[in-house]
Amino acid sequence: MDKQEAYSLLGVESGDKLRDVRRKYHLLMHMHHPDVLSDNGNTDTARQLNEAFEIIKRERISLKRIAYTILLRHCSCKRQPKPSFTQKA
């Protein structure tokens, strides 16, 4: 399953926030969960929904990690050491 199939299976757009994708995933899993309806088609659908959500979640998390790494590498601000306080006697 590729990313476009994952988005279309969950019925979300690629620009949607992960929070919205998660809500849609939980709604669909509630409808197609094998414990709710004990149909073999629901088991396959639940597996496909789970796989689609994992693909989208992995993609979003890896993009955040890449952005954070780039930010750290190109950050012009340097950490300043904390001033040491000395007590006068």
Protein backbone atom coordinates (compact mmCIF):
# COMPACT_ATOMS: atom_id res chain seq x y z
CA MET A 1 0.00 0.00 0.00
CA ASP A 2 1.38 3.38 -0.95
CA LYS A 3 0.70 6.76 0.63
CA GLN A 4 -2.03 7.79 -1.79
CA GLU A 5 -3.94 4.56 -1.17
CA ALA A 6 -3.59 5.12 2.57
CA TYR A 7 -5.02 8.63 2.35
CA SER A 8 -7.90 7.53 0.13
CA LEU A 9 -8.72 4.52 2.34
CA LEU A 10 -8.98 6.74 5.41
CA GLY A 11 -10.79 9.45 3.45
CA VAL A 12 -8.41 12.27 4.38
CA GLU A 13 -6.23 14.69 2.43
CA SER A 14 -2.46 14.85 2.59
CA GLY A 15 -2.65 18.37 4.08
CA ASP A 16 -4.86 17.36 7.01
CA LYS A 17 -3.41 17.48 10.50
CA LEU A 18 -2.44 14.24 12.20
CA ARG A 19 -5.11 14.93 14.82
CA ASP A 20 -7.81 14.89 12.12
CA VAL A 21 -6.36 11.76 10.53
CA ARG A 22 -6.37 10.06 13.94
CA ARG A 23 -10.02 11.01 14.54
CA LYS A 24 -11.07 9.63 11.16
CA TYR A 25 -9.06 6.45 11.81
CA HIS A 26 -10.72 5.88 15.19
CA LEU A 27 -14.17 6.47 13.70
CA LEU A 28 -13.58 3.98 10.89
CA MET A 29 -12.00 1.42 13.22
CA HIS A 30 -15.01 1.65 15.51
CA MET A 31 -17.29 0.88 12.54
CA HIS A 32 -15.15 -1.94 11.11
CA HIS A 33 -13.65 -3.49 14.25
CA PRO A 34 -13.93 -7.30 14.27
CA ASP A 35 -15.33 -7.29 17.82
CA VAL A 36 -18.21 -5.04 16.78
CA LEU A 37 -19.20 -7.11 13.75
CA SER A 38 -17.77 -10.61 13.50
CA ASP A 39 -17.59 -10.63 9.71
CA ASN A 40 -14.43 -11.76 7.91
CA GLY A 41 -14.59 -8.68 5.68
CA ASN A 42 -14.36 -6.46 8.75
CA THR A 43 -11.15 -8.18 9.83
CA ASP A 44 -9.53 -7.45 6.49
CA THR A 45 -10.84 -3.90 6.46
CA ALA A 46 -9.57 -3.30 9.99
CA ARG A 47 -6.12 -4.56 9.00
CA GLN A 48 -6.06 -2.28 5.96
CA LEU A 49 -7.16 0.72 8.04
CA ASN A 50 -4.48 -0.03 10.62
CA GLU A 51 -1.80 -0.32 7.94
CA ALA A 52 -2.94 2.92 6.28
CA PHE A 53 -2.82 4.82 9.57
CA GLU A 54 0.65 3.48 10.38
CA ILE A 55 1.94 4.60 6.97
CA ILE A 56 0.60 8.12 7.44
CA LYS A 57 1.76 8.34 11.06
CA ARG A 58 5.28 7.17 10.21
CA GLU A 59 5.51 9.70 7.39
CA ARG A 60 4.40 12.58 9.61
CA ILE A 61 6.73 11.67 12.46
CA SER A 62 9.73 11.30 10.15
CA LEU A 63 8.98 14.72 8.61
CA LYS A 64 8.92 16.27 12.07
CA ARG A 65 12.25 14.65 12.94
CA ILE A 66 13.82 15.92 9.72
CA ALA A 67 12.55 19.44 10.34
CA TYR A 68 13.83 19.38 13.92
CA THR A 69 17.25 18.14 12.81
CA ILE A 70 17.51 20.86 10.18
CA LEU A 71 16.48 23.45 12.73
CA LEU A 72 19.17 22.32 15.16
CA ARG A 73 21.87 22.30 12.49
CA HIS A 74 21.06 25.74 11.14
CA CYS A 75 20.15 27.48 14.36
CA SER A 76 22.27 30.58 14.72
CA CYS A 77 21.62 30.94 18.42
CA LYS A 78 24.14 29.38 20.72
CA ARG A 79 23.32 28.37 24.23
CA GLN A 80 24.68 30.80 26.70
CA PRO A 81 26.06 29.36 29.91
CA LYS A 82 24.04 30.11 32.97
CA PRO A 83 25.59 32.84 35.10
CA SER A 84 27.11 31.56 38.28
CA PHE A 85 25.87 33.27 41.37
CA THR A 86 28.25 33.75 44.21
CA GLN A 87 27.13 34.67 47.65
CA LYS A 88 28.93 37.39 49.46
CA ALA A 89 29.68 36.58 53.04
